PDB file of N, CA and C in Angstrom:
ATOM      1  N   MET A   1     195.751 -22.815 161.021  1.00  0.00           N
ATOM      2  CA  MET A   1     194.725 -22.885 160.022  1.00  0.00           C
ATOM      3  C   MET A   1     194.282 -21.480 159.626  1.00  0.00           C
ATOM      4  N   ASN A   2     193.931 -21.357 158.390  1.00  0.00           N
ATOM      5  CA  ASN A   2     193.552 -20.067 157.826  1.00  0.00           C
ATOM      6  C   ASN A   2     192.026 -19.932 157.893  1.00  0.00           C
ATOM      7  N   ASN A   3     191.536 -18.871 158.536  1.00  0.00           N
ATOM      8  CA  ASN A   3     190.087 -18.681 158.700  1.00  0.00           C
ATOM      9  C   ASN A   3     189.497 -17.717 157.669  1.00  0.00           C
ATOM     10  N   THR A   4     190.225 -17.360 156.653  1.00  0.00           N
ATOM     11  CA  THR A   4     189.675 -16.448 155.635  1.00  0.00           C
ATOM     12  C   THR A   4     188.769 -17.233 154.697  1.00  0.00           C
ATOM     13  N   PRO A   5     187.594 -16.682 154.395  1.00  0.00           N
ATOM     14  CA  PRO A   5     186.668 -17.403 153.500  1.00  0.00           C
ATOM     15  C   PRO A   5     187.204 -17.413 152.062  1.00  0.00           C
ATOM     16  N   ASN A   6     186.749 -18.384 151.357  1.00  0.00           N
ATOM     17  CA  ASN A   6     187.108 -18.455 149.929  1.00  0.00           C
ATOM     18  C   ASN A   6     186.465 -17.293 149.178  1.00  0.00           C
ATOM     19  N   PRO A   7     187.170 -16.720 148.213  1.00  0.00           N
ATOM     20  CA  PRO A   7     186.569 -15.607 147.456  1.00  0.00           C
ATOM     21  C   PRO A   7     185.379 -16.095 146.633  1.00  0.00           C
ATOM     22  N   VAL A   8     184.383 -15.225 146.529  1.00  0.00           N
ATOM     23  CA  VAL A   8     183.190 -15.542 145.741  1.00  0.00           C
ATOM     24  C   VAL A   8     183.318 -14.829 144.402  1.00  0.00           C
ATOM     25  N   TYR A   9     183.146 -15.569 143.342  1.00  0.00           N
ATOM     26  CA  TYR A   9     183.231 -14.990 142.003  1.00  0.00           C
ATOM     27  C   TYR A   9     181.817 -14.889 141.425  1.00  0.00           C
ATOM     28  N   TYR A  10     181.453 -13.693 141.037  1.00  0.00           N
ATOM     29  CA  TYR A  10     180.145 -13.464 140.441  1.00  0.00           C
ATOM     30  C   TYR A  10     180.292 -13.435 138.926  1.00  0.00           C
ATOM     31  N   PRO A  11     179.330 -13.984 138.218  1.00  0.00           N
ATOM     32  CA  PRO A  11     179.447 -13.947 136.747  1.00  0.00           C
ATOM     33  C   PRO A  11     179.317 -12.513 136.241  1.00  0.00           C
ATOM     34  N   GLN A  12     180.147 -12.189 135.312  1.00  0.00           N
ATOM     35  CA  GLN A  12     180.127 -10.855 134.723  1.00  0.00           C
ATOM     36  C   GLN A  12     179.055 -10.800 133.632  1.00  0.00           C
ATOM     37  N   PRO A  13     178.336  -9.674 133.544  1.00  0.00           N
ATOM     38  CA  PRO A  13     177.320  -9.582 132.479  1.00  0.00           C
ATOM     39  C   PRO A  13     178.000  -9.563 131.104  1.00  0.00           C
ATOM     40  N   GLN A  14     177.377 -10.255 130.197  1.00  0.00           N
ATOM     41  CA  GLN A  14     177.904 -10.324 128.842  1.00  0.00           C
ATOM     42  C   GLN A  14     177.485  -9.067 128.086  1.00  0.00           C
ATOM     43  N   PRO A  15     178.394  -8.510 127.300  1.00  0.00           N
ATOM     44  CA  PRO A  15     178.004  -7.327 126.531  1.00  0.00           C
ATOM     45  C   PRO A  15     176.972  -7.702 125.472  1.00  0.00           C
ATOM     46  N   GLU A  16     176.066  -6.758 125.238  1.00  0.00           N
ATOM     47  CA  GLU A  16     175.046  -7.005 124.230  1.00  0.00           C
ATOM     48  C   GLU A  16     175.686  -7.014 122.857  1.00  0.00           C
ATOM     49  N   PRO A  17     175.190  -7.863 121.978  1.00  0.00           N
ATOM     50  CA  PRO A  17     175.743  -7.835 120.617  1.00  0.00           C
ATOM     51  C   PRO A  17     175.374  -6.514 119.954  1.00  0.00           C
ATOM     52  N   PRO A  18     176.231  -6.022 119.101  1.00  0.00           N
ATOM     53  CA  PRO A  18     175.917  -4.741 118.466  1.00  0.00           C
ATOM     54  C   PRO A  18     174.655  -4.849 117.616  1.00  0.00           C
ATOM     55  N   LYS A  19     173.845  -3.804 117.678  1.00  0.00           N
ATOM     56  CA  LYS A  19     172.625  -3.799 116.879  1.00  0.00           C
ATOM     57  C   LYS A  19     172.997  -3.666 115.411  1.00  0.00           C
ATOM     58  N   GLU A  20     172.284  -4.403 114.598  1.00  0.00           N
ATOM     59  CA  GLU A  20     172.577  -4.336 113.173  1.00  0.00           C
ATOM     60  C   GLU A  20     172.076  -3.022 112.603  1.00  0.00           C
ATOM     61  N   LYS A  21     172.867  -2.478 111.727  1.00  0.00           N
ATOM     62  CA  LYS A  21     172.501  -1.219 111.088  1.00  0.00           C
ATOM     63  C   LYS A  21     171.752  -1.535 109.812  1.00  0.00           C
ATOM     64  N   ASN A  22     170.604  -0.923 109.684  1.00  0.00           N
ATOM     65  CA  ASN A  22     169.767  -1.187 108.529  1.00  0.00           C
ATOM     66  C   ASN A  22     169.403   0.157 107.906  1.00  0.00           C
ATOM     67  N   GLY A  23     170.167   0.567 106.919  1.00  0.00           N
ATOM     68  CA  GLY A  23     169.934   1.844 106.269  1.00  0.00           C
ATOM     69  C   GLY A  23     168.601   1.920 105.550  1.00  0.00           C
ATOM     70  N   ALA A  24     168.135   0.767 105.064  1.00  0.00           N
ATOM     71  CA  ALA A  24     166.852   0.762 104.352  1.00  0.00           C
ATOM     72  C   ALA A  24     165.709   1.126 105.295  1.00  0.00           C
ATOM     73  N   ALA A  25     165.822   0.751 106.569  1.00  0.00           N
ATOM     74  CA  ALA A  25     164.776   1.099 107.534  1.00  0.00           C
ATOM     75  C   ALA A  25     164.747   2.608 107.764  1.00  0.00           C
ATOM     76  N   VAL A  26     165.921   3.222 107.821  1.00  0.00           N
ATOM     77  CA  VAL A  26     165.989   4.672 108.001  1.00  0.00           C
ATOM     78  C   VAL A  26     165.406   5.381 106.782  1.00  0.00           C
ATOM     79  N   VAL A  27     165.750   4.903 105.595  1.00  0.00           N
ATOM     80  CA  VAL A  27     165.216   5.509 104.364  1.00  0.00           C
ATOM     81  C   VAL A  27     163.701   5.349 104.320  1.00  0.00           C
ATOM     82  N   SER A  28     163.202   4.197 104.732  1.00  0.00           N
ATOM     83  CA  SER A  28     161.756   3.972 104.754  1.00  0.00           C
ATOM     84  C   SER A  28     161.067   4.951 105.696  1.00  0.00           C
ATOM     85  N   LEU A  29     161.672   5.184 106.860  1.00  0.00           N
ATOM     86  CA  LEU A  29     161.100   6.121 107.817  1.00  0.00           C
ATOM     87  C   LEU A  29     161.086   7.540 107.254  1.00  0.00           C
ATOM     88  N   VAL A  30     162.184   7.959 106.645  1.00  0.00           N
ATOM     89  CA  VAL A  30     162.262   9.308 106.073  1.00  0.00           C
ATOM     90  C   VAL A  30     161.258   9.466 104.929  1.00  0.00           C
ATOM     91  N   MET A  31     161.154   8.467 104.070  1.00  0.00           N
ATOM     92  CA  MET A  31     160.205   8.540 102.955  1.00  0.00           C
ATOM     93  C   MET A  31     158.762   8.544 103.469  1.00  0.00           C
ATOM     94  N   GLY A  32     158.495   7.820 104.536  1.00  0.00           N
ATOM     95  CA  GLY A  32     157.154   7.835 105.124  1.00  0.00           C
ATOM     96  C   GLY A  32     156.800   9.208 105.663  1.00  0.00           C
ATOM     97  N   ILE A  33     157.765   9.849 106.332  1.00  0.00           N
ATOM     98  CA  ILE A  33     157.526  11.201 106.845  1.00  0.00           C
ATOM     99  C   ILE A  33     157.290  12.165 105.692  1.00  0.00           C
ATOM    100  N   LEU A  34     158.107  12.076 104.657  1.00  0.00           N
ATOM    101  CA  LEU A  34     157.944  12.977 103.508  1.00  0.00           C
ATOM    102  C   LEU A  34     156.622  12.728 102.785  1.00  0.00           C
ATOM    103  N   SER A  35     156.189  11.477 102.732  1.00  0.00           N
ATOM    104  CA  SER A  35     154.908  11.205 102.067  1.00  0.00           C
ATOM    105  C   SER A  35     153.747  11.817 102.835  1.00  0.00           C
ATOM    106  N   LEU A  36     153.862  11.894 104.153  1.00  0.00           N
ATOM    107  CA  LEU A  36     152.810  12.555 104.927  1.00  0.00           C
ATOM    108  C   LEU A  36     152.884  14.069 104.784  1.00  0.00           C
ATOM    109  N   VAL A  37     154.100  14.603 104.711  1.00  0.00           N
ATOM    110  CA  VAL A  37     154.261  16.052 104.556  1.00  0.00           C
ATOM    111  C   VAL A  37     153.682  16.511 103.220  1.00  0.00           C
ATOM    112  N   PHE A  38     153.923  15.727 102.175  1.00  0.00           N
ATOM    113  CA  PHE A  38     153.455  16.106 100.846  1.00  0.00           C
ATOM    114  C   PHE A  38     152.151  15.400 100.469  1.00  0.00           C
ATOM    115  N   ALA A  39     151.328  15.064 101.456  1.00  0.00           N
ATOM    116  CA  ALA A  39     150.077  14.355 101.187  1.00  0.00           C
ATOM    117  C   ALA A  39     149.083  15.194 100.406  1.00  0.00           C
ATOM    118  N   CYS A  40     149.261  16.516 100.414  1.00  0.00           N
ATOM    119  CA  CYS A  40     148.321  17.384  99.709  1.00  0.00           C
ATOM    120  C   CYS A  40     148.648  17.504  98.221  1.00  0.00           C
ATOM    121  N   CYS A  41     149.727  16.917  97.780  1.00  0.00           N
ATOM    122  CA  CYS A  41     150.080  16.990  96.360  1.00  0.00           C
ATOM    123  C   CYS A  41     150.571  15.628  95.884  1.00  0.00           C
ATOM    124  N   GLY A  42     150.888  15.548  94.635  1.00  0.00           N
ATOM    125  CA  GLY A  42     151.266  14.269  94.034  1.00  0.00           C
ATOM    126  C   GLY A  42     152.591  13.708  94.508  1.00  0.00           C
ATOM    127  N   GLY A  43     153.412  14.496  95.183  1.00  0.00           N
ATOM    128  CA  GLY A  43     154.702  14.016  95.648  1.00  0.00           C
ATOM    129  C   GLY A  43     154.587  12.910  96.671  1.00  0.00           C
ATOM    130  N   SER A  44     153.466  12.858  97.371  1.00  0.00           N
ATOM    131  CA  SER A  44     153.310  11.824  98.391  1.00  0.00           C
ATOM    132  C   SER A  44     153.261  10.437  97.766  1.00  0.00           C
ATOM    133  N   LEU A  45     152.779  10.334  96.541  1.00  0.00           N
ATOM    134  CA  LEU A  45     152.747   9.035  95.883  1.00  0.00           C
ATOM    135  C   LEU A  45     154.157   8.517  95.645  1.00  0.00           C
ATOM    136  N   ILE A  46     155.039   9.388  95.167  1.00  0.00           N
ATOM    137  CA  ILE A  46     156.411   8.982  94.889  1.00  0.00           C
ATOM    138  C   ILE A  46     157.121   8.607  96.187  1.00  0.00           C
ATOM    139  N   PHE A  47     157.062   9.502  97.183  1.00  0.00           N
ATOM    140  CA  PHE A  47     157.729   9.228  98.448  1.00  0.00           C
ATOM    141  C   PHE A  47     157.147   7.989  99.128  1.00  0.00           C
ATOM    142  N   GLY A  48     155.844   7.830  99.067  1.00  0.00           N
ATOM    143  CA  GLY A  48     155.197   6.693  99.706  1.00  0.00           C
ATOM    144  C   GLY A  48     155.568   5.368  99.071  1.00  0.00           C
ATOM    145  N   ILE A  49     155.609   5.337  97.754  1.00  0.00           N
ATOM    146  CA  ILE A  49     155.973   4.091  97.063  1.00  0.00           C
ATOM    147  C   ILE A  49     157.423   3.726  97.361  1.00  0.00           C
ATOM    148  N   VAL A  50     158.305   4.721  97.352  1.00  0.00           N
ATOM    149  CA  VAL A  50     159.708   4.449  97.696  1.00  0.00           C
ATOM    150  C   VAL A  50     159.814   3.976  99.142  1.00  0.00           C
ATOM    151  N   GLY A  51     159.039   4.558 100.043  1.00  0.00           N
ATOM    152  CA  GLY A  51     159.038   4.139 101.441  1.00  0.00           C
ATOM    153  C   GLY A  51     158.577   2.703 101.617  1.00  0.00           C
ATOM    154  N   ILE A  52     157.554   2.307 100.889  1.00  0.00           N
ATOM    155  CA  ILE A  52     157.056   0.934 100.971  1.00  0.00           C
ATOM    156  C   ILE A  52     158.108  -0.044 100.446  1.00  0.00           C
ATOM    157  N   ILE A  53     158.719   0.304  99.317  1.00  0.00           N
ATOM    158  CA  ILE A  53     159.735  -0.576  98.735  1.00  0.00           C
ATOM    159  C   ILE A  53     160.933  -0.723  99.663  1.00  0.00           C
ATOM    160  N   THR A  54     161.395   0.385 100.252  1.00  0.00           N
ATOM    161  CA  THR A  54     162.557   0.282 101.136  1.00  0.00           C
ATOM    162  C   THR A  54     162.228  -0.451 102.435  1.00  0.00           C
ATOM    163  N   ALA A  55     160.985  -0.405 102.891  1.00  0.00           N
ATOM    164  CA  ALA A  55     160.601  -1.202 104.069  1.00  0.00           C
ATOM    165  C   ALA A  55     160.682  -2.687 103.747  1.00  0.00           C
ATOM    166  N   ILE A  56     160.269  -3.055 102.545  1.00  0.00           N
ATOM    167  CA  ILE A  56     160.358  -4.460 102.130  1.00  0.00           C
ATOM    168  C   ILE A  56     161.819  -4.876 101.988  1.00  0.00           C
ATOM    169  N   VAL A  57     162.650  -3.991 101.430  1.00  0.00           N
ATOM    170  CA  VAL A  57     164.085  -4.279 101.323  1.00  0.00           C
ATOM    171  C   VAL A  57     164.699  -4.412 102.714  1.00  0.00           C
ATOM    172  N   SER A  58     164.252  -3.594 103.641  1.00  0.00           N
ATOM    173  CA  SER A  58     164.748  -3.652 105.014  1.00  0.00           C
ATOM    174  C   SER A  58     164.456  -5.012 105.642  1.00  0.00           C
ATOM    175  N   LYS A  59     163.296  -5.563 105.348  1.00  0.00           N
ATOM    176  CA  LYS A  59     162.946  -6.876 105.882  1.00  0.00           C
ATOM    177  C   LYS A  59     163.865  -7.946 105.317  1.00  0.00           C
ATOM    178  N   SER A  60     164.183  -7.840 104.037  1.00  0.00           N
ATOM    179  CA  SER A  60     165.050  -8.850 103.430  1.00  0.00           C
ATOM    180  C   SER A  60     166.490  -8.730 103.932  1.00  0.00           C
ATOM    181  N   LYS A  61     166.919  -7.530 104.317  1.00  0.00           N
ATOM    182  CA  LYS A  61     168.273  -7.342 104.833  1.00  0.00           C
ATOM    183  C   LYS A  61     168.399  -7.739 106.296  1.00  0.00           C
ATOM    184  N   SER A  62     167.296  -7.826 107.008  1.00  0.00           N
ATOM    185  CA  SER A  62     167.324  -8.128 108.433  1.00  0.00           C
ATOM    186  C   SER A  62     167.742  -9.580 108.657  1.00  0.00           C
ATOM    187  N   SER A  63     168.558  -9.809 109.684  1.00  0.00           N
ATOM    188  CA  SER A  63     169.010 -11.172 109.977  1.00  0.00           C
ATOM    189  C   SER A  63     167.874 -12.022 110.548  1.00  0.00           C
ATOM    190  N   THR A  64     166.909 -11.382 111.191  1.00  0.00           N
ATOM    191  CA  THR A  64     165.781 -12.127 111.754  1.00  0.00           C
ATOM    192  C   THR A  64     164.642 -12.292 110.760  1.00  0.00           C
ATOM    193  N   GLY A  65     164.677 -11.555 109.686  1.00  0.00           N
ATOM    194  CA  GLY A  65     163.597 -11.631 108.710  1.00  0.00           C
ATOM    195  C   GLY A  65     162.370 -10.850 109.110  1.00  0.00           C
ATOM    196  N   LYS A  66     162.502  -9.997 110.128  1.00  0.00           N
ATOM    197  CA  LYS A  66     161.376  -9.192 110.607  1.00  0.00           C
ATOM    198  C   LYS A  66     161.691  -7.718 110.397  1.00  0.00           C
ATOM    199  N   LEU A  67     160.646  -6.923 110.381  1.00  0.00           N
ATOM    200  CA  LEU A  67     160.821  -5.480 110.279  1.00  0.00           C
ATOM    201  C   LEU A  67     161.160  -4.919 111.650  1.00  0.00           C
ATOM    202  N   ASN A  68     162.109  -3.986 111.690  1.00  0.00           N
ATOM    203  CA  ASN A  68     162.377  -3.332 112.965  1.00  0.00           C
ATOM    204  C   ASN A  68     161.435  -2.137 113.112  1.00  0.00           C
ATOM    205  N   GLY A  69     161.528  -1.431 114.226  1.00  0.00           N
ATOM    206  CA  GLY A  69     160.575  -0.366 114.542  1.00  0.00           C
ATOM    207  C   GLY A  69     160.555   0.753 113.516  1.00  0.00           C
ATOM    208  N   MET A  70     161.740   1.156 113.049  1.00  0.00           N
ATOM    209  CA  MET A  70     161.787   2.248 112.070  1.00  0.00           C
ATOM    210  C   MET A  70     161.146   1.835 110.756  1.00  0.00           C
ATOM    211  N   ALA A  71     161.382   0.599 110.339  1.00  0.00           N
ATOM    212  CA  ALA A  71     160.798   0.134 109.081  1.00  0.00           C
ATOM    213  C   ALA A  71     159.275   0.007 109.195  1.00  0.00           C
ATOM    214  N   ILE A  72     158.797  -0.425 110.346  1.00  0.00           N
ATOM    215  CA  ILE A  72     157.345  -0.533 110.547  1.00  0.00           C
ATOM    216  C   ILE A  72     156.708   0.849 110.505  1.00  0.00           C
ATOM    217  N   ALA A  73     157.332   1.807 111.204  1.00  0.00           N
ATOM    218  CA  ALA A  73     156.796   3.174 111.204  1.00  0.00           C
ATOM    219  C   ALA A  73     156.834   3.764 109.795  1.00  0.00           C
ATOM    220  N   GLY A  74     157.932   3.528 109.085  1.00  0.00           N
ATOM    221  CA  GLY A  74     158.035   4.026 107.712  1.00  0.00           C
ATOM    222  C   GLY A  74     157.006   3.401 106.796  1.00  0.00           C
ATOM    223  N   LEU A  75     156.773   2.108 106.963  1.00  0.00           N
ATOM    224  CA  LEU A  75     155.779   1.413 106.144  1.00  0.00           C
ATOM    225  C   LEU A  75     154.378   1.958 106.399  1.00  0.00           C
ATOM    226  N   ILE A  76     154.031   2.138 107.659  1.00  0.00           N
ATOM    227  CA  ILE A  76     152.692   2.643 107.991  1.00  0.00           C
ATOM    228  C   ILE A  76     152.502   4.061 107.457  1.00  0.00           C
ATOM    229  N   MET A  77     153.494   4.929 107.684  1.00  0.00           N
ATOM    230  CA  MET A  77     153.366   6.309 107.197  1.00  0.00           C
ATOM    231  C   MET A  77     153.353   6.368 105.679  1.00  0.00           C
ATOM    232  N   SER A  78     154.124   5.492 105.028  1.00  0.00           N
ATOM    233  CA  SER A  78     154.134   5.470 103.564  1.00  0.00           C
ATOM    234  C   SER A  78     152.788   5.040 103.006  1.00  0.00           C
ATOM    235  N   ILE A  79     152.195   4.039 103.615  1.00  0.00           N
ATOM    236  CA  ILE A  79     150.871   3.582 103.157  1.00  0.00           C
ATOM    237  C   ILE A  79     149.838   4.687 103.345  1.00  0.00           C
ATOM    238  N   ILE A  80     149.867   5.354 104.506  1.00  0.00           N
ATOM    239  CA  ILE A  80     148.929   6.456 104.742  1.00  0.00           C
ATOM    240  C   ILE A  80     149.173   7.580 103.735  1.00  0.00           C
ATOM    241  N   GLY A  81     150.442   7.880 103.445  1.00  0.00           N
ATOM    242  CA  GLY A  81     150.773   8.926 102.473  1.00  0.00           C
ATOM    243  C   GLY A  81     150.291   8.595 101.077  1.00  0.00           C
ATOM    244  N   VAL A  82     150.437   7.329 100.668  1.00  0.00           N
ATOM    245  CA  VAL A  82     149.973   6.916  99.337  1.00  0.00           C
ATOM    246  C   VAL A  82     148.448   7.022  99.253  1.00  0.00           C
ATOM    247  N   VAL A  83     147.760   6.559 100.276  1.00  0.00           N
ATOM    248  CA  VAL A  83     146.288   6.632 100.282  1.00  0.00           C
ATOM    249  C   VAL A  83     145.837   8.095 100.256  1.00  0.00           C
ATOM    250  N   ALA A  84     146.476   8.944 101.067  1.00  0.00           N
ATOM    251  CA  ALA A  84     146.109  10.363 101.086  1.00  0.00           C
ATOM    252  C   ALA A  84     146.417  11.017  99.741  1.00  0.00           C
ATOM    253  N   GLY A  85     147.533  10.639  99.130  1.00  0.00           N
ATOM    254  CA  GLY A  85     147.869  11.180  97.813  1.00  0.00           C
ATOM    255  C   GLY A  85     146.869  10.763  96.750  1.00  0.00           C
ATOM    256  N   LEU A  86     146.433   9.513  96.800  1.00  0.00           N
ATOM    257  CA  LEU A  86     145.431   9.052  95.838  1.00  0.00           C
ATOM    258  C   LEU A  86     144.098   9.759  96.042  1.00  0.00           C
ATOM    259  N   ILE A  87     143.701   9.944  97.296  1.00  0.00           N
ATOM    260  CA  ILE A  87     142.451  10.659  97.567  1.00  0.00           C
ATOM    261  C   ILE A  87     142.542  12.094  97.059  1.00  0.00           C
ATOM    262  N   THR A  88     143.681  12.739  97.308  1.00  0.00           N
ATOM    263  CA  THR A  88     143.864  14.115  96.832  1.00  0.00           C
ATOM    264  C   THR A  88     143.847  14.172  95.312  1.00  0.00           C
ATOM    265  N   LEU A  89     144.532  13.228  94.687  1.00  0.00           N
ATOM    266  CA  LEU A  89     144.568  13.198  93.227  1.00  0.00           C
ATOM    267  C   LEU A  89     143.174  13.004  92.643  1.00  0.00           C
ATOM    268  N   ILE A  90     142.422  12.091  93.222  1.00  0.00           N
ATOM    269  CA  ILE A  90     141.057  11.849  92.742  1.00  0.00           C
ATOM    270  C   ILE A  90     140.171  13.062  93.004  1.00  0.00           C
ATOM    271  N   ALA A  91     140.341  13.698  94.172  1.00  0.00           N
ATOM    272  CA  ALA A  91     139.516  14.855  94.522  1.00  0.00           C
ATOM    273  C   ALA A  91     139.736  16.020  93.565  1.00  0.00           C
ATOM    274  N   PHE A  92     140.948  16.156  93.027  1.00  0.00           N
ATOM    275  CA  PHE A  92     141.219  17.243  92.083  1.00  0.00           C
ATOM    276  C   PHE A  92     141.042  16.814  90.638  1.00  0.00           C
ATOM    277  N   LEU A  93     141.216  15.536  90.349  1.00  0.00           N
ATOM    278  CA  LEU A  93     141.153  15.080  88.968  1.00  0.00           C
ATOM    279  C   LEU A  93     139.715  14.978  88.457  1.00  0.00           C
ATOM    280  N   ILE A  94     138.821  14.462  89.267  1.00  0.00           N
ATOM    281  CA  ILE A  94     137.433  14.283  88.825  1.00  0.00           C
ATOM    282  C   ILE A  94     136.768  15.626  88.516  1.00  0.00           C
ATOM    283  N   PRO A  95     136.850  16.633  89.395  1.00  0.00           N
ATOM    284  CA  PRO A  95     136.251  17.923  89.031  1.00  0.00           C
ATOM    285  C   PRO A  95     136.915  18.566  87.811  1.00  0.00           C
ATOM    286  N   ALA A  96     138.212  18.369  87.647  1.00  0.00           N
ATOM    287  CA  ALA A  96     138.889  18.938  86.479  1.00  0.00           C
ATOM    288  C   ALA A  96     138.405  18.280  85.202  1.00  0.00           C
ATOM    289  N   ILE A  97     138.185  16.984  85.236  1.00  0.00           N
ATOM    290  CA  ILE A  97     137.675  16.283  84.054  1.00  0.00           C
ATOM    291  C   ILE A  97     136.253  16.726  83.752  1.00  0.00           C
ATOM    292  N   ILE A  98     135.435  16.841  84.782  1.00  0.00           N
ATOM    293  CA  ILE A  98     134.045  17.259  84.577  1.00  0.00           C
ATOM    294  C   ILE A  98     133.989  18.697  84.058  1.00  0.00           C
ATOM    295  N   ALA A  99     134.743  19.585  84.676  1.00  0.00           N
ATOM    296  CA  ALA A  99     134.720  20.990  84.257  1.00  0.00           C
ATOM    297  C   ALA A  99     135.386  21.176  82.909  1.00  0.00           C
ATOM    298  N   GLY A 100     136.419  20.383  82.638  1.00  0.00           N
ATOM    299  CA  GLY A 100     137.113  20.515  81.356  1.00  0.00           C
ATOM    300  C   GLY A 100     136.244  20.083  80.188  1.00  0.00           C
ATOM    301  N   GLY A 101     135.399  19.094  80.393  1.00  0.00           N
ATOM    302  CA  GLY A 101     134.537  18.606  79.328  1.00  0.00           C
ATOM    303  C   GLY A 101     133.407  19.560  79.013  1.00  0.00           C
ATOM    304  N   SER A 102     132.979  20.350  79.987  1.00  0.00           N
ATOM    305  CA  SER A 102     131.856  21.247  79.750  1.00  0.00           C
ATOM    306  C   SER A 102     132.302  22.668  79.445  1.00  0.00           C
ATOM    307  N   GLY A 103     133.611  22.889  79.389  1.00  0.00           N
ATOM    308  CA  GLY A 103     134.102  24.243  79.139  1.00  0.00           C
ATOM    309  C   GLY A 103     134.012  25.121  80.357  1.00  0.00           C
ATOM    310  N   GLY A 104     133.917  24.534  81.523  1.00  0.00           N
ATOM    311  CA  GLY A 104     133.736  25.273  82.761  1.00  0.00           C
ATOM    312  C   GLY A 104     134.895  26.193  83.082  1.00  0.00           C
ATOM    313  N   PHE A 105     136.123  25.729  82.900  1.00  0.00           N
ATOM    314  CA  PHE A 105     137.273  26.557  83.212  1.00  0.00           C
ATOM    315  C   PHE A 105     137.381  27.758  82.278  1.00  0.00           C
ATOM    316  N   ASP A 106     137.058  27.564  81.010  1.00  0.00           N
ATOM    317  CA  ASP A 106     137.100  28.688  80.069  1.00  0.00           C
ATOM    318  C   ASP A 106     136.102  29.775  80.480  1.00  0.00           C
ATOM    319  N   GLU A 107     134.932  29.359  80.878  1.00  0.00           N
ATOM    320  CA  GLU A 107     133.930  30.329  81.306  1.00  0.00           C
ATOM    321  C   GLU A 107     134.364  31.045  82.580  1.00  0.00           C
ATOM    322  N   ILE A 108     134.997  30.342  83.481  1.00  0.00           N
ATOM    323  CA  ILE A 108     135.484  30.967  84.728  1.00  0.00           C
ATOM    324  C   ILE A 108     136.534  32.016  84.411  1.00  0.00           C
ATOM    325  N   PHE A 109     137.461  31.687  83.502  1.00  0.00           N
ATOM    326  CA  PHE A 109     138.508  32.648  83.148  1.00  0.00           C
ATOM    327  C   PHE A 109     137.939  33.861  82.408  1.00  0.00           C
ATOM    328  N   ARG A 110     136.930  33.649  81.566  1.00  0.00           N
ATOM    329  CA  ARG A 110     136.306  34.776  80.861  1.00  0.00           C
ATOM    330  C   ARG A 110     135.627  35.718  81.865  1.00  0.00           C
ATOM    331  N   GLU A 111     134.916  35.138  82.826  1.00  0.00           N
ATOM    332  CA  GLU A 111     134.275  35.949  83.859  1.00  0.00           C
ATOM    333  C   GLU A 111     135.292  36.722  84.694  1.00  0.00           C
ATOM    334  N   LEU A 112     136.414  36.082  84.937  1.00  0.00           N
ATOM    335  CA  LEU A 112     137.477  36.734  85.706  1.00  0.00           C
ATOM    336  C   LEU A 112     138.048  37.900  84.930  1.00  0.00           C
ATOM    337  N   GLU A 113     138.250  37.712  83.624  1.00  0.00           N
ATOM    338  CA  GLU A 113     138.755  38.802  82.795  1.00  0.00           C
ATOM    339  C   GLU A 113     137.753  39.955  82.728  1.00  0.00           C
ATOM    340  N   ARG A 114     136.479  39.634  82.614  1.00  0.00           N
ATOM    341  CA  ARG A 114     135.454  40.683  82.560  1.00  0.00           C
ATOM    342  C   ARG A 114     135.410  41.464  83.857  1.00  0.00           C
ATOM    343  N   SER A 115     135.546  40.786  84.971  1.00  0.00           N
ATOM    344  CA  SER A 115     135.467  41.482  86.248  1.00  0.00           C
ATOM    345  C   SER A 115     136.691  42.366  86.500  1.00  0.00           C
ATOM    346  N   LEU A 116     137.822  42.047  85.881  1.00  0.00           N
ATOM    347  CA  LEU A 116     139.025  42.834  86.068  1.00  0.00           C
ATOM    348  C   LEU A 116     139.071  44.073  85.185  1.00  0.00           C
ATOM    349  N   ARG A 117     138.217  44.141  84.162  1.00  0.00           N
ATOM    350  CA  ARG A 117     138.224  45.281  83.248  1.00  0.00           C
ATOM    351  C   ARG A 117     137.499  46.453  83.822  1.00  0.00           C
TER     352      ARG A 117
END
């Protein structure tokens, strides 16, 4: 009689399915970063709006119908960039309108010319 034990077979781990590549999520993240970088000027509005749109496109391309981490980060940064851009635009536009209507800028430039002479 053979006294060797029967071999034990352990289940092998299954390989993880490949992660889906979502270029729109990467674009959303990059546009969100750029919208924060250019928050002090009007460029943040353009970058932020493109970032928001590409985050939405990323959701539609996803097989689960959810935003992945990069798209969420891009969406949040894009929204912050758009809000900061609007605040900056309003902060510079309102004084320019007020000063432009009263001739304020012309008087400032005349004073500057006088002081340089």
